[in-house]
PDB file of N, CA and C in Angstrom:
ATOM      1  N   UNK A   1     -36.363 -18.794  64.211  1.00  0.00           N
ATOM      2  CA  UNK A   1     -37.305 -18.016  65.188  1.00  0.00           C
ATOM      3  C   UNK A   1     -38.434 -18.244  65.373  1.00  0.00           C
ATOM      4  N   UNK A   2     -38.929 -18.027  66.874  1.00  0.00           N
ATOM      5  CA  UNK A   2     -40.262 -18.026  67.022  1.00  0.00           C
ATOM      6  C   UNK A   2     -41.050 -16.555  66.393  1.00  0.00           C
ATOM      7  N   UNK A   3     -42.460 -16.741  66.116  1.00  0.00           N
ATOM      8  CA  UNK A   3     -43.563 -15.910  65.681  1.00  0.00           C
ATOM      9  C   UNK A   3     -43.097 -14.644  66.260  1.00  0.00           C
ATOM     10  N   UNK A   4     -43.164 -14.898  67.797  1.00  0.00           N
ATOM     11  CA  UNK A   4     -43.087 -13.819  68.506  1.00  0.00           C
ATOM     12  C   UNK A   4     -41.500 -13.032  68.213  1.00  0.00           C
ATOM     13  N   UNK A   5     -40.490 -13.434  68.563  1.00  0.00           N
ATOM     14  CA  UNK A   5     -39.211 -12.980  67.992  1.00  0.00           C
ATOM     15  C   UNK A   5     -39.028 -12.170  66.732  1.00  0.00           C
ATOM     16  N   UNK A   6     -40.060 -13.063  65.931  1.00  0.00           N
ATOM     17  CA  UNK A   6     -39.779 -12.465  64.563  1.00  0.00           C
ATOM     18  C   UNK A   6     -40.896 -11.038  64.534  1.00  0.00           C
ATOM     19  N   UNK A   7     -41.751 -10.805  65.209  1.00  0.00           N
ATOM     20  CA  UNK A   7     -42.858 -10.007  65.081  1.00  0.00           C
ATOM     21  C   UNK A   7     -41.439  -8.751  65.893  1.00  0.00           C
ATOM     22  N   UNK A   8     -41.315  -9.070  66.973  1.00  0.00           N
ATOM     23  CA  UNK A   8     -40.362  -8.283  67.595  1.00  0.00           C
ATOM     24  C   UNK A   8     -39.072  -7.326  66.881  1.00  0.00           C
ATOM     25  N   UNK A   9     -38.762  -8.192  66.133  1.00  0.00           N
ATOM     26  CA  UNK A   9     -37.807  -8.219  65.325  1.00  0.00           C
ATOM     27  C   UNK A   9     -38.372  -6.909  63.997  1.00  0.00           C
ATOM     28  N   UNK A  10     -38.875  -7.200  63.340  1.00  0.00           N
ATOM     29  CA  UNK A  10     -39.991  -6.546  62.419  1.00  0.00           C
ATOM     30  C   UNK A  10     -40.690  -5.107  62.849  1.00  0.00           C
ATOM     31  N   UNK A  11     -40.615  -5.049  64.011  1.00  0.00           N
ATOM     32  CA  UNK A  11     -41.545  -3.967  64.848  1.00  0.00           C
ATOM     33  C   UNK A  11     -40.099  -2.969  65.044  1.00  0.00           C
ATOM     34  N   UNK A  12     -38.889  -3.651  65.555  1.00  0.00           N
ATOM     35  CA  UNK A  12     -37.596  -2.588  66.083  1.00  0.00           C
ATOM     36  C   UNK A  12     -36.978  -2.082  64.427  1.00  0.00           C
ATOM     37  N   UNK A  13     -37.179  -2.989  63.191  1.00  0.00           N
ATOM     38  CA  UNK A  13     -36.818  -2.466  62.373  1.00  0.00           C
ATOM     39  C   UNK A  13     -37.632  -1.334  61.310  1.00  0.00           C
ATOM     40  N   UNK A  14     -38.866  -1.338  61.896  1.00  0.00           N
ATOM     41  CA  UNK A  14     -40.010  -0.783  61.441  1.00  0.00           C
ATOM     42  C   UNK A  14     -40.501   0.845  62.091  1.00  0.00           C
ATOM     43  N   UNK A  15     -39.297   0.547  63.499  1.00  0.00           N
ATOM     44  CA  UNK A  15     -39.349   1.797  64.240  1.00  0.00           C
ATOM     45  C   UNK A  15     -39.108   3.294  63.148  1.00  0.00           C
ATOM     46  N   UNK A  16     -40.088   4.160  63.732  1.00  0.00           N
ATOM     47  CA  UNK A  16     -39.503   5.318  62.790  1.00  0.00           C
ATOM     48  C   UNK A  16     -38.023   6.180  63.038  1.00  0.00           C
ATOM     49  N   UNK A  17     -37.644   6.329  64.039  1.00  0.00           N
ATOM     50  CA  UNK A  17     -36.255   6.236  63.706  1.00  0.00           C
ATOM     51  C   UNK A  17     -34.907   5.418  63.703  1.00  0.00           C
ATOM     52  N   UNK A  18     -35.239   4.731  63.010  1.00  0.00           N
ATOM     53  CA  UNK A  18     -34.606   3.812  62.218  1.00  0.00           C
ATOM     54  C   UNK A  18     -35.113   4.043  60.374  1.00  0.00           C
ATOM     55  N   UNK A  19     -35.560   5.208  60.174  1.00  0.00           N
ATOM     56  CA  UNK A  19     -35.752   5.660  58.231  1.00  0.00           C
ATOM     57  C   UNK A  19     -35.400   7.124  58.217  1.00  0.00           C
ATOM     58  N   UNK A  20     -34.687   7.324  57.053  1.00  0.00           N
ATOM     59  CA  UNK A  20     -35.492   8.626  56.746  1.00  0.00           C
ATOM     60  C   UNK A  20     -35.989   8.971  55.746  1.00  0.00           C
ATOM     61  N   UNK A  21     -36.992  10.167  55.560  1.00  0.00           N
ATOM     62  CA  UNK A  21     -37.886  11.165  54.762  1.00  0.00           C
ATOM     63  C   UNK A  21     -36.769  12.057  54.465  1.00  0.00           C
ATOM     64  N   UNK A  22     -36.527  11.615  53.265  1.00  0.00           N
ATOM     65  CA  UNK A  22     -35.543  12.996  51.889  1.00  0.00           C
ATOM     66  C   UNK A  22     -37.139  13.322  50.992  1.00  0.00           C
ATOM     67  N   UNK A  23     -37.087  14.650  50.687  1.00  0.00           N
ATOM     68  CA  UNK A  23     -38.312  14.537  50.012  1.00  0.00           C
ATOM     69  C   UNK A  23     -37.694  14.663  48.607  1.00  0.00           C
ATOM     70  N   UNK A  24     -38.393  14.639  47.457  1.00  0.00           N
ATOM     71  CA  UNK A  24     -37.580  14.560  45.987  1.00  0.00           C
ATOM     72  C   UNK A  24     -37.225  15.776  45.229  1.00  0.00           C
ATOM     73  N   UNK A  25     -37.397  16.665  46.002  1.00  0.00           N
ATOM     74  CA  UNK A  25     -36.925  18.427  45.819  1.00  0.00           C
ATOM     75  C   UNK A  25     -35.610  18.274  45.918  1.00  0.00           C
ATOM     76  N   UNK A  26     -35.509  17.668  47.318  1.00  0.00           N
ATOM     77  CA  UNK A  26     -33.765  17.954  48.233  1.00  0.00           C
ATOM     78  C   UNK A  26     -33.200  17.098  47.353  1.00  0.00           C
ATOM     79  N   UNK A  27     -33.582  15.836  46.577  1.00  0.00           N
ATOM     80  CA  UNK A  27     -32.921  14.954  46.188  1.00  0.00           C
ATOM     81  C   UNK A  27     -32.198  15.639  44.650  1.00  0.00           C
ATOM     82  N   UNK A  28     -33.700  16.083  44.011  1.00  0.00           N
ATOM     83  CA  UNK A  28     -33.673  16.664  42.782  1.00  0.00           C
ATOM     84  C   UNK A  28     -32.320  17.730  42.991  1.00  0.00           C
ATOM     85  N   UNK A  29     -31.926  18.867  44.278  1.00  0.00           N
ATOM     86  CA  UNK A  29     -31.446  19.720  43.950  1.00  0.00           C
ATOM     87  C   UNK A  29     -29.640  19.543  44.183  1.00  0.00           C
ATOM     88  N   UNK A  30     -29.705  18.311  45.419  1.00  0.00           N
ATOM     89  CA  UNK A  30     -28.211  17.636  45.754  1.00  0.00           C
ATOM     90  C   UNK A  30     -28.727  16.067  44.768  1.00  0.00           C
ATOM     91  N   UNK A  31     -27.568  15.484  45.619  1.00  0.00           N
ATOM     92  CA  UNK A  31     -27.416  14.389  45.350  1.00  0.00           C
ATOM     93  C   UNK A  31     -28.156  13.785  46.415  1.00  0.00           C
ATOM     94  N   UNK A  32     -28.348  12.301  46.009  1.00  0.00           N
ATOM     95  CA  UNK A  32     -28.766  11.252  47.125  1.00  0.00           C
ATOM     96  C   UNK A  32     -28.371  11.103  48.627  1.00  0.00           C
ATOM     97  N   UNK A  33     -26.637  11.262  47.955  1.00  0.00           N
ATOM     98  CA  UNK A  33     -25.747  11.137  49.453  1.00  0.00           C
ATOM     99  C   UNK A  33     -25.689  12.506  50.120  1.00  0.00           C
ATOM    100  N   UNK A  34     -25.928  13.377  49.105  1.00  0.00           N
ATOM    101  CA  UNK A  34     -25.902  14.587  50.044  1.00  0.00           C
ATOM    102  C   UNK A  34     -26.996  15.225  50.847  1.00  0.00           C
ATOM    103  N   UNK A  35     -27.907  14.703  50.658  1.00  0.00           N
ATOM    104  CA  UNK A  35     -29.553  14.549  50.982  1.00  0.00           C
ATOM    105  C   UNK A  35     -29.729  13.913  52.440  1.00  0.00           C
ATOM    106  N   UNK A  36     -28.778  12.255  52.189  1.00  0.00           N
ATOM    107  CA  UNK A  36     -29.255  11.624  53.494  1.00  0.00           C
ATOM    108  C   UNK A  36     -28.077  12.212  54.312  1.00  0.00           C
ATOM    109  N   UNK A  37     -27.259  12.837  53.839  1.00  0.00           N
ATOM    110  CA  UNK A  37     -26.080  13.625  54.507  1.00  0.00           C
ATOM    111  C   UNK A  37     -26.652  14.723  55.629  1.00  0.00           C
ATOM    112  N   UNK A  38     -27.372  15.226  55.184  1.00  0.00           N
ATOM    113  CA  UNK A  38     -28.440  16.116  55.402  1.00  0.00           C
ATOM    114  C   UNK A  38     -29.265  16.195  56.228  1.00  0.00           C
ATOM    115  N   UNK A  39     -29.869  14.953  55.973  1.00  0.00           N
ATOM    116  CA  UNK A  39     -31.100  14.561  56.894  1.00  0.00           C
ATOM    117  C   UNK A  39     -30.584  13.940  58.603  1.00  0.00           C
ATOM    118  N   UNK A  40     -28.714  13.330  58.398  1.00  0.00           N
ATOM    119  CA  UNK A  40     -28.084  12.915  59.306  1.00  0.00           C
ATOM    120  C   UNK A  40     -28.412  14.210  60.219  1.00  0.00           C
ATOM    121  N   UNK A  41     -27.139  15.423  59.941  1.00  0.00           N
ATOM    122  CA  UNK A  41     -27.436  16.437  60.414  1.00  0.00           C
ATOM    123  C   UNK A  41     -28.795  17.592  61.176  1.00  0.00           C
ATOM    124  N   UNK A  42     -29.648  17.441  60.470  1.00  0.00           N
ATOM    125  CA  UNK A  42     -31.118  17.582  60.899  1.00  0.00           C
ATOM    126  C   UNK A  42     -31.304  17.062  62.423  1.00  0.00           C
ATOM    127  N   UNK A  43     -30.461  15.483  62.323  1.00  0.00           N
ATOM    128  CA  UNK A  43     -31.078  14.862  63.100  1.00  0.00           C
ATOM    129  C   UNK A  43     -30.188  15.011  64.617  1.00  0.00           C
ATOM    130  N   UNK A  44     -28.851  15.368  63.893  1.00  0.00           N
ATOM    131  CA  UNK A  44     -27.934  15.758  65.133  1.00  0.00           C
ATOM    132  C   UNK A  44     -28.406  17.087  65.813  1.00  0.00           C
ATOM    133  N   UNK A  45     -28.967  17.959  65.180  1.00  0.00           N
ATOM    134  CA  UNK A  45     -28.894  19.242  65.481  1.00  0.00           C
ATOM    135  C   UNK A  45     -30.064  19.166  66.285  1.00  0.00           C
ATOM    136  N   UNK A  46     -31.480  18.324  66.035  1.00  0.00           N
ATOM    137  CA  UNK A  46     -32.151  18.494  67.141  1.00  0.00           C
ATOM    138  C   UNK A  46     -31.816  17.876  68.463  1.00  0.00           C
ATOM    139  N   UNK A  47     -31.364  16.546  67.721  1.00  0.00           N
ATOM    140  CA  UNK A  47     -30.898  15.842  69.340  1.00  0.00           C
ATOM    141  C   UNK A  47     -29.990  17.240  70.000  1.00  0.00           C
ATOM    142  N   UNK A  48     -29.263  17.647  69.095  1.00  0.00           N
ATOM    143  CA  UNK A  48     -28.423  18.532  70.357  1.00  0.00           C
ATOM    144  C   UNK A  48     -29.619  20.295  71.365  1.00  0.00           C
ATOM    145  N   UNK A  49     -30.652  20.539  70.274  1.00  0.00           N
ATOM    146  CA  UNK A  49     -31.469  20.994  70.971  1.00  0.00           C
ATOM    147  C   UNK A  49     -32.113  20.447  72.211  1.00  0.00           C
ATOM    148  N   UNK A  50     -32.158  19.102  71.478  1.00  0.00           N
ATOM    149  CA  UNK A  50     -33.365  18.552  73.101  1.00  0.00           C
ATOM    150  C   UNK A  50     -32.803  18.711  74.157  1.00  0.00           C
ATOM    151  N   UNK A  51     -31.283  17.744  73.921  1.00  0.00           N
ATOM    152  CA  UNK A  51     -30.556  17.811  75.399  1.00  0.00           C
ATOM    153  C   UNK A  51     -29.539  19.143  75.745  1.00  0.00           C
ATOM    154  N   UNK A  52     -29.535  20.659  75.215  1.00  0.00           N
ATOM    155  CA  UNK A  52     -29.098  21.483  75.539  1.00  0.00           C
ATOM    156  C   UNK A  52     -28.183  21.971  75.047  1.00  0.00           C
ATOM    157  N   UNK A  53     -27.090  21.274  74.343  1.00  0.00           N
ATOM    158  CA  UNK A  53     -25.648  21.099  73.829  1.00  0.00           C
ATOM    159  C   UNK A  53     -25.239  21.386  72.492  1.00  0.00           C
ATOM    160  N   UNK A  54     -26.345  22.450  71.348  1.00  0.00           N
ATOM    161  CA  UNK A  54     -26.120  23.506  70.779  1.00  0.00           C
ATOM    162  C   UNK A  54     -26.131  24.830  71.154  1.00  0.00           C
ATOM    163  N   UNK A  55     -25.057  25.303  70.393  1.00  0.00           N
ATOM    164  CA  UNK A  55     -24.441  26.575  70.858  1.00  0.00           C
ATOM    165  C   UNK A  55     -24.277  27.721  69.958  1.00  0.00           C
ATOM    166  N   UNK A  56     -25.183  28.845  69.842  1.00  0.00           N
ATOM    167  CA  UNK A  56     -25.502  29.569  68.763  1.00  0.00           C
ATOM    168  C   UNK A  56     -25.288  29.108  67.849  1.00  0.00           C
ATOM    169  N   UNK A  57     -26.069  27.901  67.903  1.00  0.00           N
ATOM    170  CA  UNK A  57     -26.477  27.401  66.210  1.00  0.00           C
ATOM    171  C   UNK A  57     -25.502  26.251  65.790  1.00  0.00           C
ATOM    172  N   UNK A  58     -24.208  25.878  66.713  1.00  0.00           N
ATOM    173  CA  UNK A  58     -23.583  24.526  66.386  1.00  0.00           C
ATOM    174  C   UNK A  58     -23.659  23.563  67.551  1.00  0.00           C
ATOM    175  N   UNK A  59     -23.590  22.533  66.127  1.00  0.00           N
ATOM    176  CA  UNK A  59     -23.637  21.147  67.159  1.00  0.00           C
ATOM    177  C   UNK A  59     -22.603  20.508  66.355  1.00  0.00           C
ATOM    178  N   UNK A  60     -22.368  19.212  67.569  1.00  0.00           N
ATOM    179  CA  UNK A  60     -20.762  18.529  67.504  1.00  0.00           C
ATOM    180  C   UNK A  60     -21.761  16.938  66.707  1.00  0.00           C
ATOM    181  N   UNK A  61     -21.138  16.338  66.081  1.00  0.00           N
ATOM    182  CA  UNK A  61     -21.311  15.125  65.413  1.00  0.00           C
ATOM    183  C   UNK A  61     -20.242  14.885  64.285  1.00  0.00           C
ATOM    184  N   UNK A  62     -19.809  13.537  64.715  1.00  0.00           N
ATOM    185  CA  UNK A  62     -18.434  13.122  64.360  1.00  0.00           C
ATOM    186  C   UNK A  62     -18.403  12.070  62.832  1.00  0.00           C
ATOM    187  N   UNK A  63     -17.047  12.165  62.552  1.00  0.00           N
ATOM    188  CA  UNK A  63     -17.115  11.367  61.660  1.00  0.00           C
ATOM    189  C   UNK A  63     -17.421   9.625  61.681  1.00  0.00           C
ATOM    190  N   UNK A  64     -17.197   9.583  62.294  1.00  0.00           N
ATOM    191  CA  UNK A  64     -16.959   8.396  62.932  1.00  0.00           C
ATOM    192  C   UNK A  64     -18.827   7.334  63.138  1.00  0.00           C
ATOM    193  N   UNK A  65     -19.674   8.849  63.500  1.00  0.00           N
ATOM    194  CA  UNK A  65     -20.728   8.486  64.666  1.00  0.00           C
ATOM    195  C   UNK A  65     -21.151   8.419  63.275  1.00  0.00           C
ATOM    196  N   UNK A  66     -21.071   9.304  61.721  1.00  0.00           N
ATOM    197  CA  UNK A  66     -21.903   8.997  61.003  1.00  0.00           C
ATOM    198  C   UNK A  66     -21.777   7.916  60.220  1.00  0.00           C
ATOM    199  N   UNK A  67     -20.745   6.911  59.863  1.00  0.00           N
ATOM    200  CA  UNK A  67     -20.235   6.182  59.945  1.00  0.00           C
ATOM    201  C   UNK A  67     -20.956   5.391  60.103  1.00  0.00           C
ATOM    202  N   UNK A  68     -20.830   5.177  61.303  1.00  0.00           N
ATOM    203  CA  UNK A  68     -21.809   4.000  61.766  1.00  0.00           C
ATOM    204  C   UNK A  68     -23.231   4.061  61.525  1.00  0.00           C
ATOM    205  N   UNK A  69     -23.540   4.897  61.227  1.00  0.00           N
ATOM    206  CA  UNK A  69     -24.900   5.454  61.698  1.00  0.00           C
ATOM    207  C   UNK A  69     -25.594   4.559  59.587  1.00  0.00           C
ATOM    208  N   UNK A  70     -24.776   5.434  58.573  1.00  0.00           N
ATOM    209  CA  UNK A  70     -25.213   5.307  57.494  1.00  0.00           C
ATOM    210  C   UNK A  70     -24.228   4.699  56.398  1.00  0.00           C
ATOM    211  N   UNK A  71     -22.658   4.140  57.383  1.00  0.00           N
ATOM    212  CA  UNK A  71     -21.851   3.790  56.121  1.00  0.00           C
ATOM    213  C   UNK A  71     -21.414   4.747  55.018  1.00  0.00           C
ATOM    214  N   UNK A  72     -21.195   6.024  55.704  1.00  0.00           N
ATOM    215  CA  UNK A  72     -20.372   6.818  54.892  1.00  0.00           C
ATOM    216  C   UNK A  72     -18.988   7.050  55.117  1.00  0.00           C
ATOM    217  N   UNK A  73     -18.502   6.961  53.969  1.00  0.00           N
ATOM    218  CA  UNK A  73     -16.513   7.387  54.435  1.00  0.00           C
ATOM    219  C   UNK A  73     -16.585   8.497  54.417  1.00  0.00           C
ATOM    220  N   UNK A  74     -14.927   8.787  55.301  1.00  0.00           N
ATOM    221  CA  UNK A  74     -14.843  10.396  55.620  1.00  0.00           C
ATOM    222  C   UNK A  74     -14.926  10.573  54.015  1.00  0.00           C
ATOM    223  N   UNK A  75     -14.521  10.279  53.033  1.00  0.00           N
ATOM    224  CA  UNK A  75     -14.617  11.029  51.243  1.00  0.00           C
ATOM    225  C   UNK A  75     -15.978  11.648  51.198  1.00  0.00           C
ATOM    226  N   UNK A  76     -16.633  10.656  51.232  1.00  0.00           N
ATOM    227  CA  UNK A  76     -17.952  11.044  50.551  1.00  0.00           C
ATOM    228  C   UNK A  76     -18.829  12.053  52.304  1.00  0.00           C
ATOM    229  N   UNK A  77     -18.507  12.014  53.158  1.00  0.00           N
ATOM    230  CA  UNK A  77     -19.210  12.958  53.967  1.00  0.00           C
ATOM    231  C   UNK A  77     -18.593  14.081  53.653  1.00  0.00           C
ATOM    232  N   UNK A  78     -17.096  14.590  53.108  1.00  0.00           N
ATOM    233  CA  UNK A  78     -16.524  15.885  52.840  1.00  0.00           C
ATOM    234  C   UNK A  78     -17.026  16.563  51.572  1.00  0.00           C
ATOM    235  N   UNK A  79     -17.315  15.680  50.250  1.00  0.00           N
ATOM    236  CA  UNK A  79     -18.022  15.796  49.303  1.00  0.00           C
ATOM    237  C   UNK A  79     -18.979  16.347  49.816  1.00  0.00           C
ATOM    238  N   UNK A  80     -20.202  15.884  50.559  1.00  0.00           N
ATOM    239  CA  UNK A  80     -21.322  16.296  51.118  1.00  0.00           C
ATOM    240  C   UNK A  80     -21.036  17.762  51.576  1.00  0.00           C
ATOM    241  N   UNK A  81     -20.304  18.093  52.365  1.00  0.00           N
ATOM    242  CA  UNK A  81     -20.104  19.224  53.077  1.00  0.00           C
ATOM    243  C   UNK A  81     -19.748  20.185  51.783  1.00  0.00           C
ATOM    244  N   UNK A  82     -19.408  20.040  51.227  1.00  0.00           N
ATOM    245  CA  UNK A  82     -18.845  20.709  50.156  1.00  0.00           C
ATOM    246  C   UNK A  82     -19.549  21.333  49.492  1.00  0.00           C
ATOM    247  N   UNK A  83     -20.580  20.272  48.641  1.00  0.00           N
ATOM    248  CA  UNK A  83     -21.724  20.908  48.117  1.00  0.00           C
ATOM    249  C   UNK A  83     -22.823  21.483  49.281  1.00  0.00           C
ATOM    250  N   UNK A  84     -22.936  21.569  50.215  1.00  0.00           N
ATOM    251  CA  UNK A  84     -24.162  21.908  51.705  1.00  0.00           C
ATOM    252  C   UNK A  84     -23.152  22.748  51.086  1.00  0.00           C
ATOM    253  N   UNK A  85     -21.771  23.154  51.826  1.00  0.00           N
ATOM    254  CA  UNK A  85     -21.510  24.826  51.395  1.00  0.00           C
ATOM    255  C   UNK A  85     -21.250  25.670  50.366  1.00  0.00           C
ATOM    256  N   UNK A  86     -21.434  25.002  49.265  1.00  0.00           N
ATOM    257  CA  UNK A  86     -21.555  26.262  47.776  1.00  0.00           C
ATOM    258  C   UNK A  86     -22.748  26.290  47.648  1.00  0.00           C
ATOM    259  N   UNK A  87     -23.729  25.649  48.292  1.00  0.00           N
ATOM    260  CA  UNK A  87     -25.318  26.226  48.044  1.00  0.00           C
ATOM    261  C   UNK A  87     -25.353  27.296  49.089  1.00  0.00           C
ATOM    262  N   UNK A  88     -24.454  27.313  50.233  1.00  0.00           N
ATOM    263  CA  UNK A  88     -24.504  28.591  51.217  1.00  0.00           C
ATOM    264  C   UNK A  88     -25.674  27.526  52.611  1.00  0.00           C
ATOM    265  N   UNK A  89     -25.742  26.442  52.670  1.00  0.00           N
ATOM    266  CA  UNK A  89     -26.728  26.263  53.357  1.00  0.00           C
ATOM    267  C   UNK A  89     -25.763  25.912  54.741  1.00  0.00           C
ATOM    268  N   UNK A  90     -24.870  25.093  54.837  1.00  0.00           N
ATOM    269  CA  UNK A  90     -23.883  24.509  56.131  1.00  0.00           C
ATOM    270  C   UNK A  90     -22.747  25.321  56.623  1.00  0.00           C
ATOM    271  N   UNK A  91     -22.216  25.555  57.310  1.00  0.00           N
ATOM    272  CA  UNK A  91     -20.767  25.549  58.046  1.00  0.00           C
ATOM    273  C   UNK A  91     -20.166  24.830  58.413  1.00  0.00           C
ATOM    274  N   UNK A  92     -19.220  24.772  58.586  1.00  0.00           N
ATOM    275  CA  UNK A  92     -18.456  23.578  59.637  1.00  0.00           C
ATOM    276  C   UNK A  92     -17.485  24.261  60.315  1.00  0.00           C
ATOM    277  N   UNK A  93     -16.374  23.559  61.347  1.00  0.00           N
ATOM    278  CA  UNK A  93     -15.490  23.846  62.085  1.00  0.00           C
ATOM    279  C   UNK A  93     -14.578  23.130  63.197  1.00  0.00           C
ATOM    280  N   UNK A  94     -13.938  22.363  63.192  1.00  0.00           N
ATOM    281  CA  UNK A  94     -12.873  21.734  64.136  1.00  0.00           C
ATOM    282  C   UNK A  94     -12.618  22.250  65.305  1.00  0.00           C
ATOM    283  N   UNK A  95     -12.975  22.330  66.911  1.00  0.00           N
ATOM    284  CA  UNK A  95     -12.536  22.983  67.888  1.00  0.00           C
ATOM    285  C   UNK A  95     -12.492  21.634  68.782  1.00  0.00           C
ATOM    286  N   UNK A  96     -11.774  22.763  69.912  1.00  0.00           N
ATOM    287  CA  UNK A  96     -11.331  21.380  70.875  1.00  0.00           C
ATOM    288  C   UNK A  96     -10.059  20.460  70.709  1.00  0.00           C
ATOM    289  N   UNK A  97      -9.710  20.280  71.784  1.00  0.00           N
ATOM    290  CA  UNK A  97      -8.588  18.811  72.355  1.00  0.00           C
ATOM    291  C   UNK A  97      -9.329  17.660  72.750  1.00  0.00           C
ATOM    292  N   UNK A  98      -9.547  16.845  72.195  1.00  0.00           N
ATOM    293  CA  UNK A  98      -8.976  16.439  70.998  1.00  0.00           C
ATOM    294  C   UNK A  98     -10.419  16.867  69.947  1.00  0.00           C
ATOM    295  N   UNK A  99     -10.103  17.172  68.703  1.00  0.00           N
ATOM    296  CA  UNK A  99     -10.758  18.173  67.679  1.00  0.00           C
ATOM    297  C   UNK A  99     -11.856  17.316  67.483  1.00  0.00           C
ATOM    298  N   UNK A 100     -12.821  18.042  67.318  1.00  0.00           N
ATOM    299  CA  UNK A 100     -14.631  17.603  67.243  1.00  0.00           C
ATOM    300  C   UNK A 100     -15.056  18.457  65.895  1.00  0.00           C
ATOM    301  N   UNK A 101     -15.809  18.084  64.893  1.00  0.00           N
ATOM    302  CA  UNK A 101     -16.247  18.833  64.035  1.00  0.00           C
ATOM    303  C   UNK A 101     -17.790  19.343  64.082  1.00  0.00           C
ATOM    304  N   UNK A 102     -17.778  20.562  64.177  1.00  0.00           N
ATOM    305  CA  UNK A 102     -18.921  21.333  64.451  1.00  0.00           C
ATOM    306  C   UNK A 102     -19.599  21.591  63.310  1.00  0.00           C
ATOM    307  N   UNK A 103     -21.318  21.722  63.242  1.00  0.00           N
ATOM    308  CA  UNK A 103     -21.897  22.022  62.122  1.00  0.00           C
ATOM    309  C   UNK A 103     -23.110  23.167  62.757  1.00  0.00           C
ATOM    310  N   UNK A 104     -23.093  24.283  61.342  1.00  0.00           N
ATOM    311  CA  UNK A 104     -24.325  24.874  61.586  1.00  0.00           C
ATOM    312  C   UNK A 104     -24.911  24.619  60.254  1.00  0.00           C
ATOM    313  N   UNK A 105     -26.394  24.647  60.201  1.00  0.00           N
ATOM    314  CA  UNK A 105     -27.276  25.045  59.529  1.00  0.00           C
ATOM    315  C   UNK A 105     -27.793  26.479  59.261  1.00  0.00           C
ATOM    316  N   UNK A 106     -27.711  26.572  58.124  1.00  0.00           N
ATOM    317  CA  UNK A 106     -28.610  28.028  57.706  1.00  0.00           C
ATOM    318  C   UNK A 106     -30.016  27.330  57.223  1.00  0.00           C
ATOM    319  N   UNK A 107     -31.314  27.173  58.038  1.00  0.00           N
ATOM    320  CA  UNK A 107     -32.164  26.558  57.536  1.00  0.00           C
ATOM    321  C   UNK A 107     -33.110  27.554  56.630  1.00  0.00           C
ATOM    322  N   UNK A 108     -32.996  29.050  56.621  1.00  0.00           N
ATOM    323  CA  UNK A 108     -33.557  30.043  56.235  1.00  0.00           C
ATOM    324  C   UNK A 108     -32.894  30.122  54.676  1.00  0.00           C
ATOM    325  N   UNK A 109     -31.563  29.803  54.066  1.00  0.00           N
ATOM    326  CA  UNK A 109     -31.193  29.611  53.423  1.00  0.00           C
ATOM    327  C   UNK A 109     -31.569  28.164  52.562  1.00  0.00           C
ATOM    328  N   UNK A 110     -31.467  27.360  53.077  1.00  0.00           N
ATOM    329  CA  UNK A 110     -32.631  25.935  52.472  1.00  0.00           C
ATOM    330  C   UNK A 110     -33.580  26.120  52.243  1.00  0.00           C
ATOM    331  N   UNK A 111     -34.959  26.727  52.884  1.00  0.00           N
ATOM    332  CA  UNK A 111     -36.264  27.083  52.599  1.00  0.00           C
ATOM    333  C   UNK A 111     -36.151  27.468  50.993  1.00  0.00           C
ATOM    334  N   UNK A 112     -35.164  28.940  51.303  1.00  0.00           N
ATOM    335  CA  UNK A 112     -35.411  29.567  49.513  1.00  0.00           C
ATOM    336  C   UNK A 112     -34.794  28.582  48.611  1.00  0.00           C
ATOM    337  N   UNK A 113     -33.766  27.605  48.730  1.00  0.00           N
ATOM    338  CA  UNK A 113     -33.243  26.924  47.663  1.00  0.00           C
ATOM    339  C   UNK A 113     -34.708  25.794  47.552  1.00  0.00           C
ATOM    340  N   UNK A 114     -34.569  25.260  48.436  1.00  0.00           N
ATOM    341  CA  UNK A 114     -36.015  24.175  47.914  1.00  0.00           C
ATOM    342  C   UNK A 114     -37.320  25.206  47.371  1.00  0.00           C
ATOM    343  N   UNK A 115     -37.423  26.043  47.835  1.00  0.00           N
ATOM    344  CA  UNK A 115     -38.484  26.952  47.157  1.00  0.00           C
ATOM    345  C   UNK A 115     -38.212  27.036  45.770  1.00  0.00           C
ATOM    346  N   UNK A 116     -36.867  27.332  45.301  1.00  0.00           N
ATOM    347  CA  UNK A 116     -36.475  27.625  43.875  1.00  0.00           C
ATOM    348  C   UNK A 116     -37.265  26.077  42.871  1.00  0.00           C
ATOM    349  N   UNK A 117     -36.576  25.331  43.737  1.00  0.00           N
ATOM    350  CA  UNK A 117     -36.912  24.152  43.398  1.00  0.00           C
ATOM    351  C   UNK A 117     -38.225  23.919  42.864  1.00  0.00           C
ATOM    352  N   UNK A 118     -39.134  23.977  43.753  1.00  0.00           N
ATOM    353  CA  UNK A 118     -40.322  23.289  43.765  1.00  0.00           C
ATOM    354  C   UNK A 118     -41.014  23.966  42.566  1.00  0.00           C
ATOM    355  N   UNK A 119     -40.630  25.194  42.605  1.00  0.00           N
ATOM    356  CA  UNK A 119     -41.040  26.355  41.339  1.00  0.00           C
ATOM    357  C   UNK A 119     -40.277  25.817  40.460  1.00  0.00           C
TER     358      UNK A 119
END
């Protein structure tokens, strides 16, 4: 591989949209998988806000899309969803034909939980 090609590959790998930043407080409160799953949801919610597809706080991201992005199985995704639901942070539902998975995040509740963890 030529130096120029190698530098371009390195630049692509190091682009900020290829990384996740997760605070230690979130990882301490939840496990690493749940924290990463929450980061994926935040990114999907942000994208839905930008393209105008969010409705009353509800946004869509599919099981396969998550699997492609972070290699997280359906079973692990469901464990993460359950963890976030128990904490009162996440609501989810299936809707439409074909069925699509929608989420809504309670960011106020999330802030309360993280503030408790920091204290």
